C-alpha atoms as a PDB file:
ATOM      1  CA  UNK A   1     -14.852 -11.622  -6.089  1.00  0.00           C
ATOM      2  CA  UNK A   2     -16.573 -12.340  -9.376  1.00  0.00           C
ATOM      3  CA  UNK A   3     -13.849 -10.657 -11.410  1.00  0.00           C
ATOM      4  CA  UNK A   4     -10.224 -11.660 -11.855  1.00  0.00           C
ATOM      5  CA  UNK A   5      -9.303  -8.010 -11.266  1.00  0.00           C
ATOM      6  CA  UNK A   6      -9.083  -6.869  -7.664  1.00  0.00           C
ATOM      7  CA  UNK A   7      -8.481  -3.214  -8.584  1.00  0.00           C
ATOM      8  CA  UNK A   8      -9.676  -1.543 -11.738  1.00  0.00           C
ATOM      9  CA  UNK A   9      -9.538   2.158 -12.552  1.00  0.00           C
ATOM     10  CA  UNK A  10     -10.830   3.756 -15.732  1.00  0.00           C
ATOM     11  CA  UNK A  11      -9.788   7.326 -16.566  1.00  0.00           C
ATOM     12  CA  UNK A  12      -9.579   8.113 -12.845  1.00  0.00           C
ATOM     13  CA  UNK A  13      -8.800  11.799 -12.291  1.00  0.00           C
ATOM     14  CA  UNK A  14      -8.519  14.219  -9.409  1.00  0.00           C
ATOM     15  CA  UNK A  15      -8.192  17.974  -9.815  1.00  0.00           C
ATOM     16  CA  UNK A  16      -7.877  20.726  -7.232  1.00  0.00           C
ATOM     17  CA  UNK A  17      -8.866  23.925  -8.957  1.00  0.00           C
ATOM     18  CA  UNK A  18      -6.364  24.353 -11.772  1.00  0.00           C
ATOM     19  CA  UNK A  19      -4.033  21.634 -10.460  1.00  0.00           C
ATOM     20  CA  UNK A  20      -4.371  18.067 -11.718  1.00  0.00           C
ATOM     21  CA  UNK A  21      -3.127  15.515  -9.174  1.00  0.00           C
ATOM     22  CA  UNK A  22      -4.227  12.388 -11.063  1.00  0.00           C
ATOM     23  CA  UNK A  23      -4.892  12.511 -14.783  1.00  0.00           C
ATOM     24  CA  UNK A  24      -6.935   9.820 -16.550  1.00  0.00           C
ATOM     25  CA  UNK A  25      -5.408   6.869 -14.686  1.00  0.00           C
ATOM     26  CA  UNK A  26      -6.172   3.337 -15.891  1.00  0.00           C
ATOM     27  CA  UNK A  27      -5.252   0.417 -13.635  1.00  0.00           C
ATOM     28  CA  UNK A  28      -5.936  -3.316 -13.848  1.00  0.00           C
ATOM     29  CA  UNK A  29      -4.548  -5.273 -10.902  1.00  0.00           C
ATOM     30  CA  UNK A  30      -5.212  -9.036 -10.880  1.00  0.00           C
ATOM     31  CA  UNK A  31      -6.594 -10.634  -7.732  1.00  0.00           C
ATOM     32  CA  UNK A  32      -3.959 -12.138  -5.455  1.00  0.00           C
ATOM     33  CA  UNK A  33      -1.072 -10.137  -6.921  1.00  0.00           C
ATOM     34  CA  UNK A  34       1.332  -7.582  -5.465  1.00  0.00           C
ATOM     35  CA  UNK A  35       1.321  -4.335  -7.455  1.00  0.00           C
ATOM     36  CA  UNK A  36       4.187  -1.932  -6.851  1.00  0.00           C
ATOM     37  CA  UNK A  37       3.087   1.685  -7.217  1.00  0.00           C
ATOM     38  CA  UNK A  38       6.045   3.981  -7.796  1.00  0.00           C
ATOM     39  CA  UNK A  39       6.503   7.649  -8.508  1.00  0.00           C
ATOM     40  CA  UNK A  40       8.426  10.728  -7.392  1.00  0.00           C
ATOM     41  CA  UNK A  41       7.082  13.002  -4.679  1.00  0.00           C
ATOM     42  CA  UNK A  42       3.953  14.763  -5.891  1.00  0.00           C
ATOM     43  CA  UNK A  43       3.294  12.213  -8.641  1.00  0.00           C
ATOM     44  CA  UNK A  44      -0.222  11.444  -7.397  1.00  0.00           C
ATOM     45  CA  UNK A  45       0.359   8.090  -5.673  1.00  0.00           C
ATOM     46  CA  UNK A  46      -1.164   9.000  -2.323  1.00  0.00           C
ATOM     47  CA  UNK A  47      -4.070  10.782  -4.007  1.00  0.00           C
ATOM     48  CA  UNK A  48      -4.763   7.644  -6.048  1.00  0.00           C
ATOM     49  CA  UNK A  49      -4.618   5.383  -2.999  1.00  0.00           C
ATOM     50  CA  UNK A  50      -6.938   7.689  -1.070  1.00  0.00           C
ATOM     51  CA  UNK A  51      -9.454   7.580  -3.928  1.00  0.00           C
ATOM     52  CA  UNK A  52      -9.292   3.786  -4.003  1.00  0.00           C
ATOM     53  CA  UNK A  53      -9.811   3.779  -0.228  1.00  0.00           C
ATOM     54  CA  UNK A  54     -12.913   6.012  -0.707  1.00  0.00           C
ATOM     55  CA  UNK A  55     -11.346   8.854   1.308  1.00  0.00           C
ATOM     56  CA  UNK A  56     -11.303  11.192  -1.704  1.00  0.00           C
ATOM     57  CA  UNK A  57     -13.940  11.555  -4.388  1.00  0.00           C
ATOM     58  CA  UNK A  58     -12.541  11.521  -7.918  1.00  0.00           C
ATOM     59  CA  UNK A  59     -13.253  14.508 -10.124  1.00  0.00           C
ATOM     60  CA  UNK A  60     -13.994  12.115 -12.972  1.00  0.00           C
ATOM     61  CA  UNK A  61     -13.520   8.490 -13.924  1.00  0.00           C
ATOM     62  CA  UNK A  62     -14.465   5.302 -12.110  1.00  0.00           C
ATOM     63  CA  UNK A  63     -12.817   2.531 -10.138  1.00  0.00           C
ATOM     64  CA  UNK A  64     -13.716  -0.715  -8.414  1.00  0.00           C
ATOM     65  CA  UNK A  65     -11.898  -2.351  -5.516  1.00  0.00           C
ATOM     66  CA  UNK A  66     -12.579  -5.997  -4.694  1.00  0.00           C
ATOM     67  CA  UNK A  67     -15.590  -5.819  -6.971  1.00  0.00           C
ATOM     68  CA  UNK A  68     -17.161  -2.780  -5.282  1.00  0.00           C
ATOM     69  CA  UNK A  69     -17.384   0.657  -6.918  1.00  0.00           C
ATOM     70  CA  UNK A  70     -15.543   3.355  -4.999  1.00  0.00           C
ATOM     71  CA  UNK A  71     -18.689   5.441  -4.756  1.00  0.00           C
ATOM     72  CA  UNK A  72     -20.057   2.695  -2.441  1.00  0.00           C
ATOM     73  CA  UNK A  73     -17.887   3.494   0.557  1.00  0.00           C
ATOM     74  CA  UNK A  74     -19.385   0.920   2.918  1.00  0.00           C
ATOM     75  CA  UNK A  75     -18.916  -1.939   0.457  1.00  0.00           C
ATOM     76  CA  UNK A  76     -15.307  -0.992  -0.298  1.00  0.00           C
ATOM     77  CA  UNK A  77     -14.456  -0.426   3.363  1.00  0.00           C
ATOM     78  CA  UNK A  78     -15.571  -3.959   4.254  1.00  0.00           C
ATOM     79  CA  UNK A  79     -13.163  -5.442   1.727  1.00  0.00           C
ATOM     80  CA  UNK A  80      -9.975  -3.439   2.169  1.00  0.00           C
ATOM     81  CA  UNK A  81      -7.213  -2.866   4.660  1.00  0.00           C
ATOM     82  CA  UNK A  82      -5.602   0.563   4.439  1.00  0.00           C
ATOM     83  CA  UNK A  83      -2.303   1.798   5.815  1.00  0.00           C
ATOM     84  CA  UNK A  84      -1.840   5.535   5.202  1.00  0.00           C
ATOM     85  CA  UNK A  85       1.509   7.254   5.612  1.00  0.00           C
ATOM     86  CA  UNK A  86       0.429   8.233   9.141  1.00  0.00           C
ATOM     87  CA  UNK A  87      -1.344   5.220  10.696  1.00  0.00           C
ATOM     88  CA  UNK A  88      -4.755   6.063  12.215  1.00  0.00           C
ATOM     89  CA  UNK A  89      -4.075   5.115  15.832  1.00  0.00           C
ATOM     90  CA  UNK A  90      -5.427   6.405  19.145  1.00  0.00           C
ATOM     91  CA  UNK A  91      -2.511   7.469  21.310  1.00  0.00           C
ATOM     92  CA  UNK A  92      -4.418   6.915  24.544  1.00  0.00           C
ATOM     93  CA  UNK A  93      -5.010   3.234  23.724  1.00  0.00           C
ATOM     94  CA  UNK A  94      -2.588   0.373  24.037  1.00  0.00           C
ATOM     95  CA  UNK A  95      -1.778  -1.582  20.884  1.00  0.00           C
ATOM     96  CA  UNK A  96      -3.901  -4.471  22.151  1.00  0.00           C
ATOM     97  CA  UNK A  97      -6.817  -2.124  22.791  1.00  0.00           C
ATOM     98  CA  UNK A  98      -6.362  -0.473  19.396  1.00  0.00           C
ATOM     99  CA  UNK A  99      -6.580  -3.797  17.568  1.00  0.00           C
ATOM    100  CA  UNK A 100      -9.583  -4.850  19.658  1.00  0.00           C
ATOM    101  CA  UNK A 101     -11.242  -1.530  18.812  1.00  0.00           C
ATOM    102  CA  UNK A 102     -10.550  -2.001  15.088  1.00  0.00           C
ATOM    103  CA  UNK A 103     -11.887  -5.554  15.251  1.00  0.00           C
ATOM    104  CA  UNK A 104     -15.057  -4.323  16.930  1.00  0.00           C
ATOM    105  CA  UNK A 105     -15.657  -1.767  14.182  1.00  0.00           C
ATOM    106  CA  UNK A 106     -15.586  -4.642  11.695  1.00  0.00           C
ATOM    107  CA  UNK A 107     -17.714  -6.974  13.854  1.00  0.00           C
ATOM    108  CA  UNK A 108     -15.017  -9.634  14.001  1.00  0.00           C
ATOM    109  CA  UNK A 109     -15.673 -12.465  16.470  1.00  0.00           C
ATOM    110  CA  UNK A 110     -13.857 -11.572  19.667  1.00  0.00           C
ATOM    111  CA  UNK A 111     -11.942 -14.846  20.030  1.00  0.00           C
ATOM    112  CA  UNK A 112     -10.778 -14.833  16.416  1.00  0.00           C
ATOM    113  CA  UNK A 113      -9.837 -11.148  16.621  1.00  0.00           C
ATOM    114  CA  UNK A 114      -7.811 -11.706  19.807  1.00  0.00           C
ATOM    115  CA  UNK A 115      -6.003 -14.664  18.239  1.00  0.00           C
ATOM    116  CA  UNK A 116      -5.108 -12.727  15.100  1.00  0.00           C
ATOM    117  CA  UNK A 117      -4.094  -9.665  17.131  1.00  0.00           C
ATOM    118  CA  UNK A 118      -1.763 -11.730  19.297  1.00  0.00           C
ATOM    119  CA  UNK A 119      -0.214 -13.287  16.178  1.00  0.00           C
ATOM    120  CA  UNK A 120       0.481  -9.882  14.620  1.00  0.00           C
ATOM    121  CA  UNK A 121       1.799  -8.414  17.858  1.00  0.00           C
ATOM    122  CA  UNK A 122       4.194 -11.330  18.156  1.00  0.00           C
ATOM    123  CA  UNK A 123       5.218 -11.193  14.477  1.00  0.00           C
ATOM    124  CA  UNK A 124       6.063  -7.495  14.660  1.00  0.00           C
ATOM    125  CA  UNK A 125       7.874  -7.739  18.020  1.00  0.00           C
ATOM    126  CA  UNK A 126       5.184  -5.709  19.772  1.00  0.00           C
ATOM    127  CA  UNK A 127       4.063  -8.384  22.239  1.00  0.00           C
ATOM    128  CA  UNK A 128       6.141  -7.009  25.113  1.00  0.00           C
ATOM    129  CA  UNK A 129       4.811  -3.497  24.452  1.00  0.00           C
ATOM    130  CA  UNK A 130       1.243  -4.521  23.622  1.00  0.00           C
ATOM    131  CA  UNK A 131      -0.142  -3.123  26.879  1.00  0.00           C
ATOM    132  CA  UNK A 132       1.688   0.197  26.670  1.00  0.00           C
ATOM    133  CA  UNK A 133      -0.096   3.259  25.351  1.00  0.00           C
ATOM    134  CA  UNK A 134       0.574   3.966  21.686  1.00  0.00           C
ATOM    135  CA  UNK A 135       1.481   7.529  22.638  1.00  0.00           C
ATOM    136  CA  UNK A 136       4.733   6.126  24.040  1.00  0.00           C
ATOM    137  CA  UNK A 137       5.605   4.275  20.822  1.00  0.00           C
ATOM    138  CA  UNK A 138       8.333   5.189  18.372  1.00  0.00           C
ATOM    139  CA  UNK A 139       7.470   5.955  14.741  1.00  0.00           C
ATOM    140  CA  UNK A 140       8.486   2.446  13.714  1.00  0.00           C
ATOM    141  CA  UNK A 141       6.377   0.818  16.417  1.00  0.00           C
ATOM    142  CA  UNK A 142       3.356   2.873  15.344  1.00  0.00           C
ATOM    143  CA  UNK A 143       3.849   1.804  11.745  1.00  0.00           C
ATOM    144  CA  UNK A 144       3.975  -1.845  12.759  1.00  0.00           C
ATOM    145  CA  UNK A 145       0.786  -1.423  14.794  1.00  0.00           C
ATOM    146  CA  UNK A 146      -0.803   0.262  11.770  1.00  0.00           C
ATOM    147  CA  UNK A 147       0.124  -2.640   9.502  1.00  0.00           C
ATOM    148  CA  UNK A 148      -1.336  -5.103  12.004  1.00  0.00           C
ATOM    149  CA  UNK A 149      -4.541  -3.075  12.079  1.00  0.00           C
ATOM    150  CA  UNK A 150      -4.738  -2.931   8.270  1.00  0.00           C
ATOM    151  CA  UNK A 151      -4.386  -6.705   7.944  1.00  0.00           C
ATOM    152  CA  UNK A 152      -6.229  -7.831  11.077  1.00  0.00           C
ATOM    153  CA  UNK A 153      -9.504  -8.664   9.311  1.00  0.00           C
ATOM    154  CA  UNK A 154      -7.865 -10.570   6.425  1.00  0.00           C
ATOM    155  CA  UNK A 155      -8.940  -8.067   3.735  1.00  0.00           C
ATOM    156  CA  UNK A 156      -9.401  -8.941   0.085  1.00  0.00           C
ATOM    157  CA  UNK A 157      -7.280  -5.922  -0.882  1.00  0.00           C
ATOM    158  CA  UNK A 158      -4.551  -4.225   1.158  1.00  0.00           C
ATOM    159  CA  UNK A 159      -3.629  -0.648   0.237  1.00  0.00           C
ATOM    160  CA  UNK A 160      -0.249  -0.031   1.877  1.00  0.00           C
ATOM    161  CA  UNK A 161       1.377   3.398   1.686  1.00  0.00           C
ATOM    162  CA  UNK A 162       5.095   3.222   2.560  1.00  0.00           C
ATOM    163  CA  UNK A 163       4.780   0.188   4.870  1.00  0.00           C
ATOM    164  CA  UNK A 164       8.538  -0.065   5.522  1.00  0.00           C
ATOM    165  CA  UNK A 165       9.186   3.654   6.119  1.00  0.00           C
ATOM    166  CA  UNK A 166      10.850   4.311   9.456  1.00  0.00           C
ATOM    167  CA  UNK A 167      11.457   0.637  10.227  1.00  0.00           C
ATOM    168  CA  UNK A 168      14.750  -0.914  11.244  1.00  0.00           C
ATOM    169  CA  UNK A 169      16.131  -3.608   8.920  1.00  0.00           C
ATOM    170  CA  UNK A 170      14.737  -6.493  10.977  1.00  0.00           C
ATOM    171  CA  UNK A 171      11.228  -5.017  11.093  1.00  0.00           C
ATOM    172  CA  UNK A 172      11.364  -4.099   7.402  1.00  0.00           C
ATOM    173  CA  UNK A 173      12.257  -7.692   6.588  1.00  0.00           C
ATOM    174  CA  UNK A 174       9.306  -8.923   8.646  1.00  0.00           C
ATOM    175  CA  UNK A 175       6.999  -6.607   6.702  1.00  0.00           C
ATOM    176  CA  UNK A 176       8.406  -7.878   3.393  1.00  0.00           C
ATOM    177  CA  UNK A 177       7.876 -11.456   4.506  1.00  0.00           C
ATOM    178  CA  UNK A 178       4.340 -10.625   5.610  1.00  0.00           C
ATOM    179  CA  UNK A 179       3.480  -9.065   2.250  1.00  0.00           C
ATOM    180  CA  UNK A 180       5.031 -12.015   0.414  1.00  0.00           C
ATOM    181  CA  UNK A 181       2.890 -14.351   2.501  1.00  0.00           C
ATOM    182  CA  UNK A 182      -0.279 -12.539   1.418  1.00  0.00           C
ATOM    183  CA  UNK A 183       0.348 -13.216  -2.288  1.00  0.00           C
ATOM    184  CA  UNK A 184      -2.253 -15.414  -3.903  1.00  0.00           C
ATOM    185  CA  UNK A 185      -4.875 -14.647  -1.251  1.00  0.00           C
ATOM    186  CA  UNK A 186      -4.825 -10.906  -0.628  1.00  0.00           C
ATOM    187  CA  UNK A 187      -4.177  -8.358  -3.358  1.00  0.00           C
ATOM    188  CA  UNK A 188      -1.598  -5.789  -2.268  1.00  0.00           C
ATOM    189  CA  UNK A 189      -1.145  -2.329  -3.743  1.00  0.00           C
ATOM    190  CA  UNK A 190       2.273  -1.303  -2.444  1.00  0.00           C
ATOM    191  CA  UNK A 191       2.896   2.436  -2.755  1.00  0.00           C
ATOM    192  CA  UNK A 192       6.502   3.149  -1.844  1.00  0.00           C
ATOM    193  CA  UNK A 193       9.814   4.783  -2.666  1.00  0.00           C
ATOM    194  CA  UNK A 194      11.649   1.614  -1.599  1.00  0.00           C
ATOM    195  CA  UNK A 195      12.615   0.249  -5.009  1.00  0.00           C
ATOM    196  CA  UNK A 196      14.354  -2.889  -3.677  1.00  0.00           C
ATOM    197  CA  UNK A 197      11.145  -3.845  -1.844  1.00  0.00           C
ATOM    198  CA  UNK A 198       9.146  -3.530  -5.050  1.00  0.00           C
ATOM    199  CA  UNK A 199      11.781  -5.402  -7.032  1.00  0.00           C
ATOM    200  CA  UNK A 200      11.634  -8.263  -4.531  1.00  0.00           C
ATOM    201  CA  UNK A 201       7.870  -8.499  -4.024  1.00  0.00           C
ATOM    202  CA  UNK A 202       5.909  -7.056  -6.943  1.00  0.00           C
ATOM    203  CA  UNK A 203       4.357  -9.102  -9.712  1.00  0.00           C
ATOM    204  CA  UNK A 204       3.792  -5.881 -11.642  1.00  0.00           C
ATOM    205  CA  UNK A 205       4.891  -2.284 -11.265  1.00  0.00           C
ATOM    206  CA  UNK A 206       3.186   0.942 -12.262  1.00  0.00           C
ATOM    207  CA  UNK A 207       5.195   4.168 -12.436  1.00  0.00           C
ATOM    208  CA  UNK A 208       3.276   7.415 -11.968  1.00  0.00           C
ATOM    209  CA  UNK A 209       4.611  10.818 -12.971  1.00  0.00           C
ATOM    210  CA  UNK A 210       2.667  14.091 -12.961  1.00  0.00           C
ATOM    211  CA  UNK A 211      -0.513  12.138 -12.298  1.00  0.00           C
ATOM    212  CA  UNK A 212      -0.127   9.836 -15.316  1.00  0.00           C
ATOM    213  CA  UNK A 213       0.899   6.217 -15.615  1.00  0.00           C
ATOM    214  CA  UNK A 214       4.130   6.431 -17.626  1.00  0.00           C
ATOM    215  CA  UNK A 215       5.352   2.830 -17.376  1.00  0.00           C
ATOM    216  CA  UNK A 216       3.929  -0.517 -16.356  1.00  0.00           C
ATOM    217  CA  UNK A 217       5.047  -4.132 -16.389  1.00  0.00           C
ATOM    218  CA  UNK A 218       6.872  -6.724 -14.342  1.00  0.00           C
ATOM    219  CA  UNK A 219      10.066  -5.555 -12.628  1.00  0.00           C
ATOM    220  CA  UNK A 220      12.111  -7.627 -15.050  1.00  0.00           C
ATOM    221  CA  UNK A 221      10.315  -6.216 -18.075  1.00  0.00           C
ATOM    222  CA  UNK A 222      10.836  -2.634 -16.921  1.00  0.00           C
ATOM    223  CA  UNK A 223      14.507  -3.306 -16.272  1.00  0.00           C
ATOM    224  CA  UNK A 224      14.947  -4.797 -19.731  1.00  0.00           C
ATOM    225  CA  UNK A 225      13.430  -1.652 -21.247  1.00  0.00           C
ATOM    226  CA  UNK A 226      15.858   0.638 -19.429  1.00  0.00           C
ATOM    227  CA  UNK A 227      18.743   1.825 -21.587  1.00  0.00           C
ATOM    228  CA  UNK A 228      21.333   1.798 -18.823  1.00  0.00           C
ATOM    229  CA  UNK A 229      24.194  -0.563 -19.592  1.00  0.00           C
ATOM    230  CA  UNK A 230      24.380  -4.324 -19.445  1.00  0.00           C
ATOM    231  CA  UNK A 231      22.603  -4.818 -16.109  1.00  0.00           C
ATOM    232  CA  UNK A 232      19.916  -2.155 -15.696  1.00  0.00           C
ATOM    233  CA  UNK A 233      18.172  -1.902 -12.335  1.00  0.00           C
ATOM    234  CA  UNK A 234      14.665  -0.948 -11.338  1.00  0.00           C
ATOM    235  CA  UNK A 235      16.100   2.403 -10.307  1.00  0.00           C
ATOM    236  CA  UNK A 236      17.351   2.887 -13.870  1.00  0.00           C
ATOM    237  CA  UNK A 237      13.889   2.024 -15.200  1.00  0.00           C
ATOM    238  CA  UNK A 238      12.247   4.407 -12.722  1.00  0.00           C
ATOM    239  CA  UNK A 239      14.563   7.307 -13.574  1.00  0.00           C
ATOM    240  CA  UNK A 240      14.103   6.737 -17.292  1.00  0.00           C
ATOM    241  CA  UNK A 241      10.308   6.547 -17.030  1.00  0.00           C
ATOM    242  CA  UNK A 242      10.010   9.695 -14.909  1.00  0.00           C
ATOM    243  CA  UNK A 243      12.650  11.700 -16.774  1.00  0.00           C
ATOM    244  CA  UNK A 244      14.692  12.118 -13.610  1.00  0.00           C
ATOM    245  CA  UNK A 245      18.440  12.524 -13.597  1.00  0.00           C
ATOM    246  CA  UNK A 246      20.520  10.089 -11.525  1.00  0.00           C
ATOM    247  CA  UNK A 247      22.414  11.521  -8.581  1.00  0.00           C
ATOM    248  CA  UNK A 248      26.129  11.380  -9.508  1.00  0.00           C
ATOM    249  CA  UNK A 249      27.017  11.262  -5.825  1.00  0.00           C
ATOM    250  CA  UNK A 250      24.778   8.312  -5.059  1.00  0.00           C
ATOM    251  CA  UNK A 251      26.269   4.917  -4.241  1.00  0.00           C
END
């Protein structure tokens, strides 16, 4: 990439009739960083990620991903890995076949693709189930296969929507370790409700509410800004930024 920014959005907006899902969003994500993308349900996170992945056309505004404008779908697609909330997997294929299929779509050398696929299958404890049809997989197993597919080609930018959702603690830890291992090489936009994951991994955090970026900074900076006692948490910062009320019954 010729720019130090892996993701840049300028006044990016998406409207559906009279409803505004994303409203004049500006983003500047440095290359090689992990950017935590937070927001309540309906805040516009998934809409934003889908625009960056070229799956939705913005109503107005511009963005570039890995140096390619999002109106150049082929150029962006070559440079990103994308994990949507529901991984795009073929139930009739085995996980090994699915990864081989994905590698073929990207013209990866067969030997290199097989080596990387085996490494991911082993890392995510899917090796013993690699030759079973995906239709027999649990939700967590499908998510792990989806993450492997998103990262198989060593993308410049990984757009990960809720990568730890539905995973058991061991698998979630493996995903966190995998994302941490990408830092410095692959830029990760991590859209999630899992605040501890963001607190652990993110170099910077953006908080979206009603389609607008309402807070941004490092996790520590956002926590320092939260007016919530002597030891504010990222949850405190999130609730303050989005105007949400804490749950008095929460632990």
